[in-house]
N, C-alpha and C. Protein backbone atom coordinates (compact mmCIF):
# COMPACT_ATOMS: atom_id res chain seq x y z
N MET A 1 126.11 132.96 27.28
CA MET A 1 125.83 133.23 25.85
C MET A 1 124.68 132.45 25.37
N HIS A 2 124.58 131.33 25.82
CA HIS A 2 123.52 130.42 25.56
C HIS A 2 122.02 130.80 26.07
N ALA A 3 122.10 131.58 27.26
CA ALA A 3 120.90 132.07 27.90
C ALA A 3 119.93 130.86 28.18
N VAL A 4 120.34 129.78 28.72
CA VAL A 4 119.44 128.61 28.95
C VAL A 4 119.36 128.56 30.49
N ARG A 5 118.04 128.29 30.85
CA ARG A 5 117.75 128.33 32.24
C ARG A 5 118.38 127.18 32.98
N ARG A 6 118.78 127.49 34.19
CA ARG A 6 119.48 126.50 35.03
C ARG A 6 118.84 125.19 35.12
N ALA A 7 117.51 125.08 35.26
CA ALA A 7 116.79 123.85 35.33
C ALA A 7 116.96 123.05 34.11
N LEU A 8 117.22 123.56 32.94
CA LEU A 8 117.56 122.85 31.71
C LEU A 8 118.90 122.28 31.69
N VAL A 9 119.84 123.10 32.11
CA VAL A 9 121.22 122.56 32.21
C VAL A 9 121.30 121.40 33.27
N VAL A 10 120.51 121.53 34.40
CA VAL A 10 120.55 120.51 35.29
C VAL A 10 119.93 119.12 34.74
N ALA A 11 118.95 119.43 33.83
CA ALA A 11 118.25 118.24 33.24
C ALA A 11 119.19 117.58 32.23
N GLN A 12 120.07 118.40 31.55
CA GLN A 12 121.15 117.78 30.67
C GLN A 12 122.11 116.88 31.53
N ALA A 13 122.46 117.46 32.61
CA ALA A 13 123.50 116.64 33.46
C ALA A 13 122.92 115.38 34.03
N GLU A 14 121.60 115.54 34.50
CA GLU A 14 120.95 114.33 34.93
C GLU A 14 120.85 113.28 33.82
N ARG A 15 120.43 113.60 32.63
CA ARG A 15 120.31 112.67 31.60
C ARG A 15 121.60 112.09 31.04
N THR A 16 122.64 112.68 31.37
CA THR A 16 123.94 112.13 31.00
C THR A 16 124.57 111.30 32.12
N GLY A 17 124.10 111.64 33.33
CA GLY A 17 124.58 110.79 34.54
C GLY A 17 125.88 111.46 34.93
N LEU A 18 126.10 112.67 34.64
CA LEU A 18 127.25 113.43 35.01
C LEU A 18 127.03 114.42 36.15
N PRO A 19 127.90 114.66 36.93
CA PRO A 19 127.63 115.73 38.10
C PRO A 19 127.86 117.08 37.45
N LEU A 20 127.16 118.03 37.95
CA LEU A 20 127.08 119.43 37.46
C LEU A 20 127.69 120.31 38.53
N TRP A 21 128.69 120.84 38.12
CA TRP A 21 129.22 121.89 39.19
C TRP A 21 129.03 123.30 38.75
N ALA A 22 128.07 123.97 39.21
CA ALA A 22 127.74 125.39 38.79
C ALA A 22 128.84 126.34 39.35
N VAL A 23 129.28 127.23 38.60
CA VAL A 23 130.21 128.21 38.94
C VAL A 23 129.68 129.59 38.79
N GLY A 24 129.32 130.20 39.82
CA GLY A 24 128.56 131.37 39.79
C GLY A 24 129.51 132.55 39.33
N LEU A 25 129.11 133.34 38.53
CA LEU A 25 129.83 134.54 37.89
C LEU A 25 129.06 135.76 38.20
N PRO A 26 129.65 136.84 38.72
CA PRO A 26 128.95 138.04 38.75
C PRO A 26 128.74 138.66 37.28
N TRP A 27 127.74 139.68 37.31
CA TRP A 27 127.66 140.45 36.02
C TRP A 27 127.72 141.76 36.28
N PRO A 28 128.63 142.43 35.60
CA PRO A 28 129.69 141.89 34.67
C PRO A 28 130.77 141.23 35.43
N CYS A 29 131.54 140.35 34.70
CA CYS A 29 132.54 139.53 35.34
C CYS A 29 133.86 139.89 34.53
N SER A 30 134.89 140.25 35.36
CA SER A 30 136.07 140.62 34.70
C SER A 30 136.84 139.19 34.42
N ASN A 31 137.72 139.27 33.39
CA ASN A 31 138.51 138.05 33.13
C ASN A 31 139.26 137.54 34.40
N LEU A 32 139.75 138.43 35.18
CA LEU A 32 140.45 138.07 36.31
C LEU A 32 139.66 137.34 37.33
N ASP A 33 138.45 137.78 37.57
CA ASP A 33 137.57 137.16 38.44
C ASP A 33 137.12 135.67 37.91
N TYR A 34 136.83 135.69 36.62
CA TYR A 34 136.49 134.30 35.85
C TYR A 34 137.62 133.33 36.14
N GLU A 35 138.75 133.77 35.85
CA GLU A 35 140.05 132.89 35.95
C GLU A 35 140.23 132.41 37.32
N GLU A 36 140.09 133.26 38.29
CA GLU A 36 140.32 132.87 39.84
C GLU A 36 139.18 131.93 40.10
N ARG A 37 137.91 132.08 39.77
CA ARG A 37 136.79 131.06 39.96
C ARG A 37 137.08 129.72 39.29
N MET A 38 137.60 129.80 38.10
CA MET A 38 137.91 128.61 37.44
C MET A 38 139.17 127.90 38.04
N ARG A 39 140.07 128.55 38.47
CA ARG A 39 141.20 127.84 39.18
C ARG A 39 140.72 127.21 40.40
N ALA A 40 139.79 127.79 41.13
CA ALA A 40 139.19 127.12 42.37
C ALA A 40 138.44 125.73 41.81
N VAL A 41 137.79 125.71 40.76
CA VAL A 41 137.16 124.59 40.25
C VAL A 41 138.18 123.53 39.86
N CYS A 42 139.32 124.04 39.29
CA CYS A 42 140.20 122.99 38.88
C CYS A 42 140.91 122.38 40.11
N ARG A 43 141.18 123.09 41.05
CA ARG A 43 141.72 122.55 42.45
C ARG A 43 140.71 121.58 42.96
N ARG A 44 139.34 121.83 42.93
CA ARG A 44 138.36 120.82 43.40
C ARG A 44 138.44 119.62 42.45
N ALA A 45 138.66 119.68 41.20
CA ALA A 45 138.55 118.51 40.21
C ALA A 45 139.71 117.72 40.57
N THR A 46 140.94 118.23 40.68
CA THR A 46 142.07 117.42 41.00
C THR A 46 141.96 116.82 42.28
N ALA A 47 141.42 117.39 43.26
CA ALA A 47 141.21 116.95 44.61
C ALA A 47 140.27 115.76 44.66
N GLU A 48 139.31 115.66 43.68
CA GLU A 48 138.41 114.63 43.45
C GLU A 48 138.73 113.57 42.50
N GLY A 49 140.04 113.68 42.05
CA GLY A 49 140.54 112.61 41.21
C GLY A 49 140.38 112.74 39.72
N ILE A 50 139.81 113.76 39.34
CA ILE A 50 139.65 114.10 37.86
C ILE A 50 141.03 114.45 37.33
N THR A 51 141.24 113.92 36.10
CA THR A 51 142.54 114.16 35.56
C THR A 51 142.50 114.96 34.13
N ALA A 52 141.33 115.12 33.67
CA ALA A 52 141.25 115.75 32.36
C ALA A 52 139.93 116.50 32.19
N VAL A 53 139.99 117.50 31.26
CA VAL A 53 138.77 118.29 30.93
C VAL A 53 138.62 118.44 29.47
N ALA A 54 137.38 118.05 29.03
CA ALA A 54 137.18 118.08 27.57
C ALA A 54 136.53 119.30 27.18
N PHE A 55 136.94 119.85 26.05
CA PHE A 55 136.33 121.14 25.38
C PHE A 55 135.81 120.83 24.00
N GLY A 56 134.82 121.55 23.58
CA GLY A 56 134.18 121.39 22.35
C GLY A 56 134.72 122.28 21.28
N ASP A 57 135.79 122.88 21.48
CA ASP A 57 136.34 123.84 20.49
C ASP A 57 136.74 123.05 19.25
N LEU A 58 136.45 123.77 18.04
CA LEU A 58 136.72 123.21 16.83
C LEU A 58 137.96 123.53 16.09
N PHE A 59 138.19 124.94 16.04
CA PHE A 59 139.35 125.39 15.17
C PHE A 59 139.87 126.70 15.66
N LEU A 60 139.42 127.32 16.60
CA LEU A 60 139.96 128.62 17.05
C LEU A 60 141.17 128.32 17.90
N GLN A 61 142.25 128.41 17.28
CA GLN A 61 143.52 128.23 17.91
C GLN A 61 143.81 129.06 19.15
N ASP A 62 143.47 130.34 19.05
CA ASP A 62 143.56 131.16 20.29
C ASP A 62 142.87 130.80 21.49
N ILE A 63 141.60 130.20 21.28
CA ILE A 63 140.78 129.68 22.31
C ILE A 63 141.61 128.47 22.93
N ARG A 64 141.99 127.66 22.08
CA ARG A 64 142.59 126.39 22.46
C ARG A 64 143.81 126.74 23.30
N ASP A 65 144.70 127.64 22.72
CA ASP A 65 145.78 128.05 23.50
C ASP A 65 145.50 128.59 24.85
N TYR A 66 144.51 129.46 25.00
CA TYR A 66 144.07 130.06 26.13
C TYR A 66 143.62 128.85 27.21
N ARG A 67 142.88 127.97 26.70
CA ARG A 67 142.49 126.82 27.69
C ARG A 67 143.67 125.99 28.16
N GLU A 68 144.51 125.72 27.30
CA GLU A 68 145.69 125.00 27.61
C GLU A 68 146.53 125.68 28.68
N LYS A 69 146.82 127.10 28.42
CA LYS A 69 147.39 127.85 29.28
C LYS A 69 146.81 127.89 30.65
N GLN A 70 145.53 127.97 30.78
CA GLN A 70 144.78 128.05 32.06
C GLN A 70 144.93 126.64 32.83
N LEU A 71 145.03 125.61 32.16
CA LEU A 71 145.07 124.40 32.78
C LEU A 71 146.55 124.02 33.05
N ARG A 72 147.60 124.59 32.54
CA ARG A 72 148.97 124.30 32.74
C ARG A 72 149.27 124.55 34.33
N GLY A 73 149.79 123.49 34.84
CA GLY A 73 150.14 123.36 36.20
C GLY A 73 149.06 123.02 37.22
N THR A 74 147.86 122.69 36.74
CA THR A 74 146.62 122.38 37.44
C THR A 74 146.58 120.89 37.74
N GLY A 75 147.35 120.07 36.87
CA GLY A 75 147.14 118.57 37.07
C GLY A 75 146.07 118.08 36.09
N LEU A 76 145.45 118.93 35.40
CA LEU A 76 144.39 118.52 34.48
C LEU A 76 144.88 118.68 33.04
N GLU A 77 144.53 117.57 32.30
CA GLU A 77 144.93 117.56 30.85
C GLU A 77 143.70 118.20 30.07
N ALA A 78 144.02 119.04 29.06
CA ALA A 78 143.01 119.64 28.25
C ALA A 78 142.88 118.71 27.01
N LEU A 79 141.59 118.19 26.81
CA LEU A 79 141.21 117.34 25.66
C LEU A 79 140.36 118.03 24.77
N PHE A 80 140.55 117.80 23.43
CA PHE A 80 139.74 118.49 22.46
C PHE A 80 139.37 117.27 21.41
N PRO A 81 138.23 116.63 21.72
CA PRO A 81 137.75 115.51 20.95
C PRO A 81 137.32 115.82 19.54
N VAL A 82 136.84 117.09 19.35
CA VAL A 82 136.29 117.34 18.02
C VAL A 82 137.12 118.36 17.31
N TRP A 83 138.30 118.59 17.72
CA TRP A 83 139.27 119.47 17.12
C TRP A 83 139.52 119.21 15.69
N LYS A 84 139.34 120.33 14.84
CA LYS A 84 139.68 120.12 13.37
C LYS A 84 138.76 119.28 12.59
N ILE A 85 137.68 118.80 13.22
CA ILE A 85 136.64 118.08 12.40
C ILE A 85 135.98 119.16 11.66
N PRO A 86 135.89 119.14 10.28
CA PRO A 86 135.08 120.12 9.52
C PRO A 86 133.75 120.32 10.02
N THR A 87 133.25 121.58 10.21
CA THR A 87 132.14 121.83 10.96
C THR A 87 130.83 121.49 10.13
N GLY A 88 130.93 121.54 8.81
CA GLY A 88 129.72 121.05 8.06
C GLY A 88 129.55 119.60 8.24
N GLN A 89 130.71 118.86 8.23
CA GLN A 89 130.67 117.47 8.46
C GLN A 89 130.15 117.12 9.86
N LEU A 90 130.71 117.84 10.89
CA LEU A 90 130.23 117.56 12.30
C LEU A 90 128.87 117.93 12.50
N GLY A 91 128.37 118.96 11.87
CA GLY A 91 126.88 119.33 12.11
C GLY A 91 126.11 118.25 11.49
N ARG A 92 126.42 117.68 10.27
CA ARG A 92 125.53 116.68 9.75
C ARG A 92 125.62 115.46 10.47
N GLU A 93 126.79 115.13 11.05
CA GLU A 93 127.05 113.79 11.84
C GLU A 93 126.20 113.95 13.06
N MET A 94 126.15 115.14 13.79
CA MET A 94 125.38 115.20 14.82
C MET A 94 123.86 115.07 14.65
N ILE A 95 123.41 115.60 13.69
CA ILE A 95 122.01 115.57 13.34
C ILE A 95 121.66 114.07 13.06
N ALA A 96 122.54 113.41 12.07
CA ALA A 96 122.30 112.03 11.75
C ALA A 96 122.32 111.10 13.01
N ALA A 97 123.12 111.51 14.04
CA ALA A 97 123.22 110.64 15.16
C ALA A 97 122.11 110.90 16.20
N GLY A 98 121.27 111.83 16.00
CA GLY A 98 120.09 112.02 16.76
C GLY A 98 120.22 113.15 17.91
N VAL A 99 121.16 113.91 17.69
CA VAL A 99 121.32 115.16 18.48
C VAL A 99 120.30 116.19 18.00
N ARG A 100 119.46 116.62 18.96
CA ARG A 100 118.44 117.67 18.61
C ARG A 100 118.67 118.94 19.51
N ALA A 101 118.64 119.93 18.92
CA ALA A 101 118.99 121.33 19.67
C ALA A 101 118.08 122.39 19.11
N LYS A 102 118.03 123.50 19.85
CA LYS A 102 117.48 124.77 19.49
C LYS A 102 118.36 125.90 19.41
N ILE A 103 118.22 126.77 18.53
CA ILE A 103 119.13 128.05 18.50
C ILE A 103 118.53 128.97 19.52
N THR A 104 119.43 129.26 20.68
CA THR A 104 119.04 130.01 21.61
C THR A 104 119.50 131.44 21.66
N CYS A 105 120.47 131.65 20.88
CA CYS A 105 121.17 132.95 20.91
C CYS A 105 121.65 133.27 19.52
N VAL A 106 121.51 134.39 18.88
CA VAL A 106 121.95 134.75 17.67
C VAL A 106 122.63 136.11 17.71
N ASP A 107 123.66 136.24 17.02
CA ASP A 107 124.37 137.55 17.01
C ASP A 107 123.90 138.18 15.65
N PRO A 108 123.03 139.14 15.80
CA PRO A 108 122.37 139.67 14.60
C PRO A 108 123.25 140.46 13.60
N SER A 109 124.57 140.80 14.18
CA SER A 109 125.44 141.37 13.22
C SER A 109 126.05 140.36 12.24
N LYS A 110 125.85 139.02 12.58
CA LYS A 110 126.26 137.94 11.72
C LYS A 110 125.26 137.12 11.04
N LEU A 111 124.16 137.04 11.77
CA LEU A 111 123.08 136.08 11.21
C LEU A 111 121.74 136.74 11.42
N ALA A 112 120.74 136.37 10.58
CA ALA A 112 119.52 137.11 10.62
C ALA A 112 118.82 136.75 11.97
N LYS A 113 118.05 137.60 12.65
CA LYS A 113 117.33 137.29 13.88
C LYS A 113 116.38 136.24 13.77
N SER A 114 115.91 136.05 12.48
CA SER A 114 114.90 134.89 12.30
C SER A 114 115.33 133.54 12.65
N PHE A 115 116.71 133.36 12.71
CA PHE A 115 117.23 132.12 13.19
C PHE A 115 117.12 131.77 14.65
N ALA A 116 116.83 132.76 15.50
CA ALA A 116 116.64 132.53 16.84
C ALA A 116 115.39 131.68 17.03
N GLY A 117 115.58 130.54 17.91
CA GLY A 117 114.47 129.74 18.11
C GLY A 117 114.26 128.51 17.20
N ARG A 118 114.99 128.50 16.11
CA ARG A 118 114.89 127.38 15.15
C ARG A 118 115.49 126.10 15.69
N ASP A 119 115.11 125.07 15.05
CA ASP A 119 115.74 123.74 15.26
C ASP A 119 117.01 123.65 14.53
N TYR A 120 118.11 123.00 15.24
CA TYR A 120 119.31 122.81 14.49
C TYR A 120 119.16 121.51 13.86
N ASP A 121 118.88 121.53 12.58
CA ASP A 121 118.54 120.30 11.77
C ASP A 121 119.08 120.55 10.25
N GLN A 122 118.92 119.65 9.46
CA GLN A 122 119.42 119.84 8.02
C GLN A 122 118.74 121.04 7.38
N PRO A 123 117.48 121.31 7.47
CA PRO A 123 117.00 122.54 6.79
C PRO A 123 117.66 123.79 7.39
N LEU A 124 118.04 123.87 8.60
CA LEU A 124 118.80 124.93 9.19
C LEU A 124 120.11 125.02 8.55
N LEU A 125 120.82 123.97 8.50
CA LEU A 125 122.16 123.95 7.79
C LEU A 125 122.02 124.41 6.35
N ASP A 126 120.99 123.95 5.63
CA ASP A 126 120.75 124.38 4.29
C ASP A 126 120.47 125.90 4.05
N ALA A 127 119.95 126.30 5.07
CA ALA A 127 119.47 127.82 5.07
C ALA A 127 120.68 128.85 5.49
N LEU A 128 121.58 128.34 6.24
CA LEU A 128 122.67 129.21 6.65
C LEU A 128 123.43 129.84 5.53
N PRO A 129 123.62 131.14 5.55
CA PRO A 129 124.49 131.80 4.53
C PRO A 129 125.91 131.13 4.47
N ALA A 130 126.61 131.20 3.44
CA ALA A 130 127.80 130.64 3.22
C ALA A 130 128.82 130.92 4.16
N GLU A 131 128.82 132.41 4.53
CA GLU A 131 129.83 132.83 5.47
C GLU A 131 129.57 132.46 6.93
N ILE A 132 128.46 131.75 7.18
CA ILE A 132 128.12 131.33 8.68
C ILE A 132 128.69 129.95 8.90
N ASP A 133 129.48 129.70 9.95
CA ASP A 133 129.99 128.47 10.37
C ASP A 133 128.81 127.59 10.73
N PRO A 134 128.69 126.37 10.09
CA PRO A 134 127.60 125.43 10.49
C PRO A 134 127.44 125.05 11.90
N CYS A 135 128.54 125.19 12.74
CA CYS A 135 128.42 124.93 14.14
C CYS A 135 128.43 126.27 14.99
N GLY A 136 128.38 127.43 14.34
CA GLY A 136 128.40 128.66 15.02
C GLY A 136 129.75 128.85 15.78
N GLU A 137 130.86 128.34 15.20
CA GLU A 137 132.12 128.39 15.97
C GLU A 137 132.65 129.85 16.04
N ASN A 138 132.19 130.79 15.29
CA ASN A 138 132.70 132.18 15.27
C ASN A 138 131.64 133.04 16.21
N GLY A 139 130.82 132.37 16.98
CA GLY A 139 129.82 133.19 17.74
C GLY A 139 128.71 133.59 17.03
N GLU A 140 128.31 133.00 15.89
CA GLU A 140 127.17 133.39 15.19
C GLU A 140 125.91 133.02 15.88
N PHE A 141 125.97 131.86 16.49
CA PHE A 141 124.83 131.43 17.15
C PHE A 141 125.17 130.44 18.28
N HIS A 142 124.36 130.26 19.27
CA HIS A 142 124.51 129.25 20.30
C HIS A 142 123.32 128.38 20.48
N THR A 143 123.37 127.25 21.05
CA THR A 143 122.34 126.20 21.01
C THR A 143 122.06 125.67 22.42
N PHE A 144 120.88 124.96 22.56
CA PHE A 144 120.57 124.16 23.68
C PHE A 144 120.20 122.77 23.16
N VAL A 145 121.04 121.70 23.64
CA VAL A 145 120.70 120.47 23.13
C VAL A 145 119.60 119.76 24.01
N TYR A 146 118.56 119.32 23.58
CA TYR A 146 117.47 118.77 24.34
C TYR A 146 117.22 117.36 24.19
N ASP A 147 117.95 116.77 23.27
CA ASP A 147 117.96 115.23 23.03
C ASP A 147 119.19 114.80 22.47
N SER A 148 119.75 113.64 22.90
CA SER A 148 120.98 113.21 22.30
C SER A 148 121.01 111.70 22.60
N PRO A 149 121.94 110.97 21.83
CA PRO A 149 122.13 109.42 22.06
C PRO A 149 122.64 109.31 23.44
N VAL A 150 123.42 110.28 24.12
CA VAL A 150 123.96 110.01 25.39
C VAL A 150 122.98 110.42 26.59
N PHE A 151 121.78 110.90 26.14
CA PHE A 151 120.74 111.29 27.12
C PHE A 151 119.93 109.97 27.54
N SER A 152 119.56 109.76 28.83
CA SER A 152 118.64 108.72 29.23
C SER A 152 117.31 108.97 28.50
N SER A 153 116.91 110.13 28.33
CA SER A 153 115.62 110.47 27.72
C SER A 153 115.71 111.87 27.32
N PRO A 154 114.75 112.30 26.36
CA PRO A 154 114.76 113.69 25.94
C PRO A 154 114.41 114.73 26.99
N ILE A 155 114.68 115.94 26.85
CA ILE A 155 114.35 116.98 27.86
C ILE A 155 113.12 117.65 27.22
N GLY A 156 112.00 117.64 28.00
CA GLY A 156 110.77 118.36 27.51
C GLY A 156 110.84 119.72 27.63
N MET A 157 110.69 120.41 26.50
CA MET A 157 110.95 121.86 26.45
C MET A 157 110.00 122.44 25.39
N ARG A 158 109.83 123.75 25.51
CA ARG A 158 109.07 124.52 24.48
C ARG A 158 109.68 125.86 24.35
N LEU A 159 109.36 126.54 23.25
CA LEU A 159 109.96 127.85 22.89
C LEU A 159 109.16 128.77 23.47
N GLY A 160 109.80 129.83 24.21
CA GLY A 160 109.15 130.93 24.78
C GLY A 160 109.33 132.11 23.93
N GLU A 161 109.58 133.29 24.64
CA GLU A 161 109.71 134.52 23.96
C GLU A 161 110.98 134.77 23.32
N ILE A 162 110.99 135.59 22.22
CA ILE A 162 112.29 135.84 21.71
C ILE A 162 112.52 137.30 21.81
N VAL A 163 113.65 137.74 22.42
CA VAL A 163 113.88 139.06 22.85
C VAL A 163 115.22 139.55 22.34
N GLU A 164 115.43 140.80 22.15
CA GLU A 164 116.70 141.40 21.88
C GLU A 164 117.29 142.10 23.12
N ARG A 165 118.61 141.72 23.41
CA ARG A 165 119.11 142.18 24.54
C ARG A 165 120.68 142.21 24.50
N ASP A 166 121.28 143.31 24.95
CA ASP A 166 122.74 143.45 24.97
C ASP A 166 123.36 143.17 23.54
N GLY A 167 122.67 143.43 22.52
CA GLY A 167 123.15 143.31 21.17
C GLY A 167 122.96 141.98 20.54
N PHE A 168 122.18 141.02 21.17
CA PHE A 168 122.02 139.69 20.74
C PHE A 168 120.58 139.51 20.74
N VAL A 169 120.12 138.36 20.06
CA VAL A 169 118.70 137.91 19.97
C VAL A 169 118.73 136.52 20.72
N PHE A 170 117.86 136.62 21.75
CA PHE A 170 117.74 135.35 22.55
C PHE A 170 116.35 134.68 22.59
N ALA A 171 116.39 133.40 22.25
CA ALA A 171 115.08 132.58 22.28
C ALA A 171 114.96 131.83 23.52
N ASP A 172 114.02 132.19 24.39
CA ASP A 172 113.85 131.51 25.73
C ASP A 172 113.31 130.11 25.46
N VAL A 173 113.97 129.18 26.06
CA VAL A 173 113.54 127.76 25.99
C VAL A 173 113.06 127.52 27.44
N LEU A 174 111.79 126.96 27.62
CA LEU A 174 111.22 126.83 28.72
C LEU A 174 110.99 125.34 29.07
N PRO A 175 111.25 124.83 30.19
CA PRO A 175 110.99 123.39 30.44
C PRO A 175 109.66 123.12 30.48
N ASP A 176 109.17 121.88 29.98
CA ASP A 176 107.78 121.49 30.00
C ASP A 176 107.44 120.99 31.33
């Protein structure tokens, strides 16, 4: 859904110093196929001594329940470090902390197409309609983080073409 190029995701992992395990998914991908592939990754994780997986979910209980159910019996604990933090507060805290991101995907049935490609910053938060979650928790938008206090350096990138596809508006982010 984020529609971010693999090279940029690799750059994020490099700048955090964390390993990246790519899980290839066919298109379209059934939920059964997705779950089988994720179970294989969970087995690899426990074999390598990993004991927990952190998720960025904020308040969607059904998603949390699903993730916990999928990890049950794997030996991995589900962690939710930002759970129930009010999203307006969290958005402002991330911006103040130096997190920089671009809006890469917009659901035009929920948010104007013109938000695609914008910076995730205070002017964006101020411009969001009242019914839109400031963190896009209901799928209104998705982002790509290109700078963060946990990165060793910012990721050079530039905005490319903005296109409509499969009912969404995508802003292509290109590596510099």
